[in-house]
N, C-alpha and C. Protein backbone atom coordinates (compact mmCIF):
# COMPACT_ATOMS: atom_id res chain seq x y z
N MET A 1 0.84 -1.17 0.00
CA MET A 1 0.00 0.00 0.00
C MET A 1 0.88 1.24 0.00
N SER A 2 0.45 2.24 -0.72
CA SER A 2 1.22 3.48 -0.78
C SER A 2 0.52 4.57 0.00
N ASN A 3 1.31 5.48 0.46
CA ASN A 3 0.79 6.59 1.22
C ASN A 3 0.60 7.77 0.26
N HIS A 4 -0.62 8.26 0.13
CA HIS A 4 -0.92 9.35 -0.79
C HIS A 4 -0.94 10.71 -0.10
N GLU A 5 -0.51 10.75 1.14
CA GLU A 5 -0.45 12.02 1.86
C GLU A 5 0.74 12.82 1.34
N PRO A 6 0.58 14.12 1.15
CA PRO A 6 1.73 14.92 0.69
C PRO A 6 2.79 15.02 1.78
N LYS A 7 4.03 14.98 1.34
CA LYS A 7 5.15 15.08 2.28
C LYS A 7 5.49 16.55 2.49
N GLU A 8 5.71 16.92 3.74
CA GLU A 8 6.02 18.31 4.05
C GLU A 8 7.46 18.62 3.69
N GLU A 9 7.64 19.74 2.97
CA GLU A 9 8.96 20.25 2.66
C GLU A 9 8.97 21.73 3.05
N ILE A 10 10.12 22.19 3.53
CA ILE A 10 10.25 23.57 3.98
C ILE A 10 11.17 24.32 3.02
N TYR A 11 10.69 25.43 2.47
CA TYR A 11 11.47 26.28 1.59
C TYR A 11 11.40 27.70 2.11
N ARG A 12 12.56 28.27 2.46
CA ARG A 12 12.64 29.63 2.99
C ARG A 12 11.70 29.83 4.17
N GLY A 13 11.57 28.81 5.01
CA GLY A 13 10.76 28.91 6.21
C GLY A 13 9.27 28.73 5.98
N ILE A 14 8.87 28.33 4.78
CA ILE A 14 7.45 28.16 4.46
C ILE A 14 7.21 26.71 4.11
N SER A 15 6.22 26.11 4.74
CA SER A 15 5.89 24.71 4.52
C SER A 15 5.08 24.56 3.23
N THR A 16 5.37 23.51 2.46
CA THR A 16 4.59 23.25 1.25
C THR A 16 3.19 22.75 1.58
N LEU A 17 2.95 22.32 2.82
CA LEU A 17 1.59 21.94 3.21
C LEU A 17 0.72 23.20 3.35
N ASP A 18 1.33 24.30 3.80
CA ASP A 18 0.59 25.55 3.94
C ASP A 18 0.49 26.29 2.61
N GLU A 19 1.59 26.36 1.90
CA GLU A 19 1.66 27.09 0.63
C GLU A 19 2.35 26.21 -0.41
N PRO A 20 1.60 25.49 -1.26
CA PRO A 20 2.23 24.60 -2.24
C PRO A 20 3.17 25.33 -3.20
N SER A 21 2.94 26.61 -3.45
CA SER A 21 3.79 27.35 -4.38
C SER A 21 5.17 27.66 -3.81
N ALA A 22 5.39 27.42 -2.54
CA ALA A 22 6.69 27.73 -1.93
C ALA A 22 7.80 26.90 -2.55
N LYS A 23 7.49 25.72 -3.05
CA LYS A 23 8.52 24.82 -3.61
C LYS A 23 9.15 25.41 -4.86
N TRP A 24 8.37 25.97 -5.75
CA TRP A 24 8.93 26.44 -7.00
C TRP A 24 9.23 27.92 -7.01
N GLY A 25 9.17 28.57 -5.86
CA GLY A 25 9.74 29.89 -5.72
C GLY A 25 8.78 31.06 -5.73
N TRP A 26 7.70 31.01 -6.49
CA TRP A 26 6.81 32.17 -6.53
C TRP A 26 5.98 32.19 -5.28
N HIS A 27 6.06 33.29 -4.55
CA HIS A 27 5.29 33.39 -3.32
C HIS A 27 4.89 34.84 -3.13
N GLY A 28 4.09 35.33 -4.06
CA GLY A 28 3.63 36.71 -3.96
C GLY A 28 4.30 37.60 -4.98
N LEU A 29 3.84 38.83 -5.06
CA LEU A 29 4.41 39.80 -5.98
C LEU A 29 5.44 40.65 -5.27
N SER A 30 6.45 41.05 -6.01
CA SER A 30 7.44 41.95 -5.43
C SER A 30 6.86 43.36 -5.39
N LYS A 31 7.47 44.22 -4.59
CA LYS A 31 7.01 45.60 -4.50
C LYS A 31 7.10 46.29 -5.85
N ARG A 32 8.18 46.01 -6.57
CA ARG A 32 8.39 46.66 -7.87
C ARG A 32 7.31 46.25 -8.86
N SER A 33 6.97 44.96 -8.90
CA SER A 33 5.92 44.48 -9.80
C SER A 33 4.58 45.09 -9.44
N MET A 34 4.31 45.21 -8.15
CA MET A 34 3.06 45.80 -7.70
C MET A 34 2.99 47.28 -8.10
N GLN A 35 4.10 48.00 -7.98
CA GLN A 35 4.12 49.41 -8.35
C GLN A 35 3.88 49.58 -9.86
N ILE A 36 4.54 48.77 -10.67
CA ILE A 36 4.38 48.88 -12.12
C ILE A 36 2.94 48.57 -12.52
N ALA A 37 2.40 47.47 -12.03
CA ALA A 37 1.02 47.10 -12.36
C ALA A 37 0.03 48.14 -11.87
N GLY A 38 0.27 48.69 -10.68
CA GLY A 38 -0.63 49.69 -10.11
C GLY A 38 -0.65 50.98 -10.92
N TRP A 39 0.52 51.48 -11.30
CA TRP A 39 0.56 52.72 -12.05
C TRP A 39 0.00 52.54 -13.45
N ILE A 40 0.21 51.37 -14.05
CA ILE A 40 -0.42 51.08 -15.35
C ILE A 40 -1.94 51.09 -15.19
N SER A 41 -2.44 50.54 -14.10
CA SER A 41 -3.88 50.54 -13.85
C SER A 41 -4.41 51.96 -13.67
N VAL A 42 -3.67 52.81 -12.96
CA VAL A 42 -4.09 54.20 -12.77
C VAL A 42 -4.17 54.92 -14.11
N ILE A 43 -3.15 54.75 -14.93
CA ILE A 43 -3.15 55.38 -16.26
C ILE A 43 -4.30 54.85 -17.10
N PHE A 44 -4.54 53.55 -17.05
CA PHE A 44 -5.64 52.95 -17.81
C PHE A 44 -6.99 53.51 -17.36
N LEU A 45 -7.20 53.61 -16.04
CA LEU A 45 -8.47 54.13 -15.53
C LEU A 45 -8.67 55.59 -15.93
N LEU A 46 -7.61 56.39 -15.85
CA LEU A 46 -7.74 57.79 -16.26
C LEU A 46 -7.94 57.90 -17.77
N GLY A 47 -7.34 57.00 -18.53
CA GLY A 47 -7.55 56.98 -19.98
C GLY A 47 -8.97 56.62 -20.36
N MET A 48 -9.63 55.85 -19.50
CA MET A 48 -11.02 55.47 -19.79
C MET A 48 -11.99 56.64 -19.64
N THR A 49 -11.54 57.75 -19.05
CA THR A 49 -12.42 58.92 -18.95
C THR A 49 -12.64 59.56 -20.31
N ILE A 50 -11.73 59.30 -21.24
CA ILE A 50 -11.90 59.82 -22.61
C ILE A 50 -12.74 58.80 -23.37
N GLY A 51 -13.88 59.21 -23.81
CA GLY A 51 -14.74 58.27 -24.51
C GLY A 51 -15.99 58.94 -25.03
N ASN A 52 -16.91 58.11 -25.48
CA ASN A 52 -18.11 58.65 -26.11
C ASN A 52 -19.31 58.65 -25.17
N HIS A 53 -19.09 58.58 -23.86
CA HIS A 53 -20.20 58.64 -22.92
C HIS A 53 -20.55 60.10 -22.65
N LYS A 54 -21.84 60.35 -22.43
CA LYS A 54 -22.32 61.72 -22.30
C LYS A 54 -22.33 62.21 -20.85
N GLY A 55 -22.56 61.30 -19.90
CA GLY A 55 -22.61 61.71 -18.49
C GLY A 55 -21.23 61.70 -17.87
N ASN A 56 -21.13 62.35 -16.71
CA ASN A 56 -19.85 62.40 -16.01
C ASN A 56 -19.79 61.48 -14.80
N VAL A 57 -20.87 60.77 -14.49
CA VAL A 57 -20.88 59.89 -13.33
C VAL A 57 -19.79 58.82 -13.47
N GLU A 58 -19.64 58.27 -14.67
CA GLU A 58 -18.60 57.26 -14.91
C GLU A 58 -17.21 57.86 -14.66
N ASN A 59 -17.04 59.10 -15.11
CA ASN A 59 -15.74 59.75 -14.93
C ASN A 59 -15.41 59.93 -13.46
N TYR A 60 -16.40 60.32 -12.67
CA TYR A 60 -16.17 60.50 -11.24
C TYR A 60 -15.70 59.19 -10.60
N PHE A 61 -16.39 58.10 -10.93
CA PHE A 61 -16.01 56.81 -10.37
C PHE A 61 -14.60 56.41 -10.81
N LEU A 62 -14.28 56.61 -12.09
CA LEU A 62 -12.96 56.24 -12.59
C LEU A 62 -11.86 57.06 -11.90
N VAL A 63 -12.09 58.35 -11.75
CA VAL A 63 -11.08 59.21 -11.14
C VAL A 63 -10.91 58.88 -9.66
N VAL A 64 -12.01 58.61 -8.95
CA VAL A 64 -11.92 58.27 -7.53
C VAL A 64 -11.19 56.95 -7.34
N ILE A 65 -11.51 55.95 -8.14
CA ILE A 65 -10.83 54.66 -8.03
C ILE A 65 -9.35 54.80 -8.36
N ALA A 66 -9.03 55.57 -9.41
CA ALA A 66 -7.63 55.79 -9.77
C ALA A 66 -6.89 56.51 -8.64
N ALA A 67 -7.55 57.48 -8.00
CA ALA A 67 -6.92 58.22 -6.90
C ALA A 67 -6.68 57.30 -5.70
N LEU A 68 -7.64 56.42 -5.39
CA LEU A 68 -7.45 55.49 -4.28
C LEU A 68 -6.29 54.53 -4.54
N ILE A 69 -6.20 54.04 -5.77
CA ILE A 69 -5.08 53.15 -6.12
C ILE A 69 -3.77 53.91 -6.02
N ALA A 70 -3.74 55.16 -6.51
CA ALA A 70 -2.51 55.96 -6.45
C ALA A 70 -2.10 56.23 -5.00
N ILE A 71 -3.06 56.52 -4.14
CA ILE A 71 -2.74 56.74 -2.72
C ILE A 71 -2.16 55.48 -2.10
N GLY A 72 -2.76 54.32 -2.40
CA GLY A 72 -2.24 53.05 -1.90
C GLY A 72 -0.84 52.76 -2.40
N LEU A 73 -0.58 53.08 -3.67
CA LEU A 73 0.75 52.86 -4.23
C LEU A 73 1.78 53.79 -3.57
N LEU A 74 1.40 55.03 -3.33
CA LEU A 74 2.33 55.96 -2.67
C LEU A 74 2.60 55.54 -1.22
N LEU A 75 1.57 55.06 -0.53
CA LEU A 75 1.78 54.57 0.84
C LEU A 75 2.74 53.38 0.84
N GLN A 76 2.55 52.47 -0.13
CA GLN A 76 3.45 51.32 -0.21
C GLN A 76 4.87 51.75 -0.59
N LEU A 77 4.97 52.72 -1.48
CA LEU A 77 6.28 53.18 -1.94
C LEU A 77 7.09 53.81 -0.82
N PHE A 78 6.42 54.60 0.04
CA PHE A 78 7.13 55.31 1.10
C PHE A 78 7.04 54.62 2.45
N SER A 79 6.54 53.40 2.50
CA SER A 79 6.50 52.67 3.77
C SER A 79 7.92 52.23 4.14
N PRO A 80 8.18 52.07 5.44
CA PRO A 80 9.54 51.68 5.83
C PRO A 80 9.87 50.27 5.36
N ARG A 81 11.11 50.08 5.02
CA ARG A 81 11.58 48.76 4.61
C ARG A 81 11.63 47.85 5.83
N SER A 82 11.83 46.56 5.60
CA SER A 82 11.85 45.62 6.72
C SER A 82 12.98 45.92 7.71
N SER A 83 14.05 46.53 7.24
CA SER A 83 15.15 46.87 8.14
C SER A 83 14.88 48.17 8.90
N GLN A 84 13.84 48.90 8.50
CA GLN A 84 13.52 50.16 9.16
C GLN A 84 12.30 49.98 10.07
N VAL A 85 12.38 49.04 10.96
CA VAL A 85 11.26 48.75 11.84
C VAL A 85 11.11 49.87 12.84
N ARG A 86 9.85 50.26 13.08
CA ARG A 86 9.59 51.34 14.03
C ARG A 86 9.46 50.76 15.43
N THR A 87 10.56 50.67 16.14
CA THR A 87 10.54 50.15 17.50
C THR A 87 11.32 51.08 18.40
N VAL A 88 11.12 50.92 19.68
CA VAL A 88 11.90 51.69 20.65
C VAL A 88 13.23 50.97 20.82
N THR A 89 14.29 51.65 20.55
CA THR A 89 15.62 51.06 20.66
C THR A 89 16.48 51.96 21.53
N ALA A 90 17.70 51.55 21.74
CA ALA A 90 18.64 52.34 22.53
C ALA A 90 18.93 53.67 21.83
N HIS A 91 18.69 53.74 20.52
CA HIS A 91 18.99 54.96 19.78
C HIS A 91 17.97 56.07 20.03
N ASN A 92 16.73 55.71 20.41
CA ASN A 92 15.75 56.76 20.59
C ASN A 92 15.15 56.79 22.00
N LYS A 93 15.87 56.26 22.97
CA LYS A 93 15.46 56.36 24.37
C LYS A 93 16.11 57.60 24.98
N PRO A 94 15.49 58.18 25.99
CA PRO A 94 16.10 59.36 26.62
C PRO A 94 17.43 59.01 27.28
N VAL A 95 18.27 60.00 27.41
CA VAL A 95 19.58 59.81 28.03
C VAL A 95 19.39 59.38 29.48
N GLY A 96 20.10 58.35 29.91
CA GLY A 96 20.03 57.87 31.28
C GLY A 96 18.89 56.91 31.53
N HIS A 97 18.16 56.51 30.49
CA HIS A 97 17.03 55.59 30.67
C HIS A 97 17.55 54.20 31.05
N ILE A 98 16.96 53.63 32.08
CA ILE A 98 17.30 52.27 32.50
C ILE A 98 16.04 51.42 32.35
N GLU A 99 16.13 50.40 31.55
CA GLU A 99 14.99 49.52 31.29
C GLU A 99 14.70 48.70 32.55
N PRO A 100 13.44 48.68 33.01
CA PRO A 100 13.11 47.88 34.20
C PRO A 100 13.27 46.39 33.93
N ASP A 101 13.53 45.64 34.97
CA ASP A 101 13.58 44.19 34.87
C ASP A 101 12.16 43.67 35.06
N TRP A 102 11.40 43.62 33.95
CA TRP A 102 9.98 43.33 34.01
C TRP A 102 9.68 41.97 34.62
N ALA A 103 10.46 40.95 34.29
CA ALA A 103 10.20 39.60 34.80
C ALA A 103 10.39 39.56 36.32
N SER A 104 11.47 40.17 36.81
CA SER A 104 11.73 40.18 38.24
C SER A 104 10.67 40.99 38.98
N ASP A 105 10.28 42.14 38.41
CA ASP A 105 9.25 42.97 39.03
C ASP A 105 7.92 42.22 39.12
N GLN A 106 7.60 41.46 38.09
CA GLN A 106 6.34 40.72 38.10
C GLN A 106 6.35 39.63 39.16
N VAL A 107 7.45 38.91 39.28
CA VAL A 107 7.54 37.82 40.26
C VAL A 107 7.52 38.37 41.67
N ASN A 108 8.27 39.44 41.93
CA ASN A 108 8.40 39.98 43.28
C ASN A 108 7.33 41.00 43.64
N GLY A 109 6.51 41.42 42.68
CA GLY A 109 5.48 42.41 42.98
C GLY A 109 6.07 43.78 43.24
N THR A 110 7.16 44.13 42.56
CA THR A 110 7.79 45.43 42.74
C THR A 110 7.58 46.26 41.48
N GLY A 111 8.05 47.49 41.51
CA GLY A 111 7.91 48.37 40.34
C GLY A 111 6.45 48.70 40.08
N VAL A 112 6.06 48.68 38.81
CA VAL A 112 4.67 48.99 38.47
C VAL A 112 3.71 47.93 38.98
N TYR A 113 4.20 46.73 39.24
CA TYR A 113 3.34 45.65 39.73
C TYR A 113 2.97 45.86 41.20
N ALA A 114 3.72 46.70 41.92
CA ALA A 114 3.39 47.00 43.32
C ALA A 114 2.20 47.95 43.41
N GLU A 115 1.90 48.66 42.32
CA GLU A 115 0.82 49.64 42.31
C GLU A 115 -0.48 49.09 41.76
N LEU A 116 -0.59 47.79 41.59
CA LEU A 116 -1.80 47.20 41.02
C LEU A 116 -2.96 47.29 41.99
N THR A 117 -4.15 47.53 41.44
CA THR A 117 -5.34 47.48 42.28
C THR A 117 -5.66 46.03 42.58
N ASP A 118 -6.61 45.82 43.48
CA ASP A 118 -6.97 44.45 43.85
C ASP A 118 -7.47 43.66 42.64
N SER A 119 -8.31 44.25 41.82
CA SER A 119 -8.84 43.54 40.65
C SER A 119 -7.75 43.27 39.61
N GLN A 120 -6.82 44.22 39.46
CA GLN A 120 -5.70 44.01 38.54
C GLN A 120 -4.78 42.90 39.03
N ALA A 121 -4.54 42.85 40.35
CA ALA A 121 -3.69 41.81 40.92
C ALA A 121 -4.34 40.44 40.73
N ARG A 122 -5.65 40.37 40.89
CA ARG A 122 -6.34 39.09 40.65
C ARG A 122 -6.24 38.67 39.20
N ALA A 123 -6.24 39.63 38.28
CA ALA A 123 -6.09 39.30 36.86
C ALA A 123 -4.72 38.68 36.60
N TRP A 124 -3.72 39.05 37.40
CA TRP A 124 -2.39 38.48 37.29
C TRP A 124 -2.23 37.25 38.19
N ASN A 125 -3.33 36.77 38.76
CA ASN A 125 -3.32 35.62 39.68
C ASN A 125 -2.47 35.90 40.89
N ARG A 126 -2.57 37.11 41.41
CA ARG A 126 -1.86 37.49 42.63
C ARG A 126 -2.89 37.97 43.63
N VAL A 127 -2.71 37.61 44.86
CA VAL A 127 -3.63 38.01 45.92
C VAL A 127 -3.02 39.20 46.66
N ASN A 128 -3.73 40.31 46.68
CA ASN A 128 -3.29 41.54 47.35
C ASN A 128 -1.90 41.99 46.87
N GLY A 129 -1.63 41.80 45.56
CA GLY A 129 -0.36 42.25 45.01
C GLY A 129 0.83 41.42 45.42
N LYS A 130 0.61 40.23 46.03
CA LYS A 130 1.75 39.41 46.47
C LYS A 130 1.70 38.05 45.84
């Protein structure tokens, strides 16, 4: 008897059971491809305003849709890269800042954990903050 269950393979951290396309490499569109396709779509939508229709309702819809796509493309274009993560780091903390030892404070009930109300302490499974 043969087993017809698919065998799991991992490619670039993605399982072929979750995403079958991970094996042959295509796994989404690149930012550059998305930008090119998006701007071509914007130009096409604006070009469709030129035509033999008599009313302007179609034009309003075409221009609004083109503007929404353009705004989305600009947001994607100027979004931070993966290396530009917006986090609090040592580079943007105030001078002299000392990071609390959160794990120790939680266990010992010191620091901000000493100021918990009774209901907050119960939420942390602590009785009277201890």
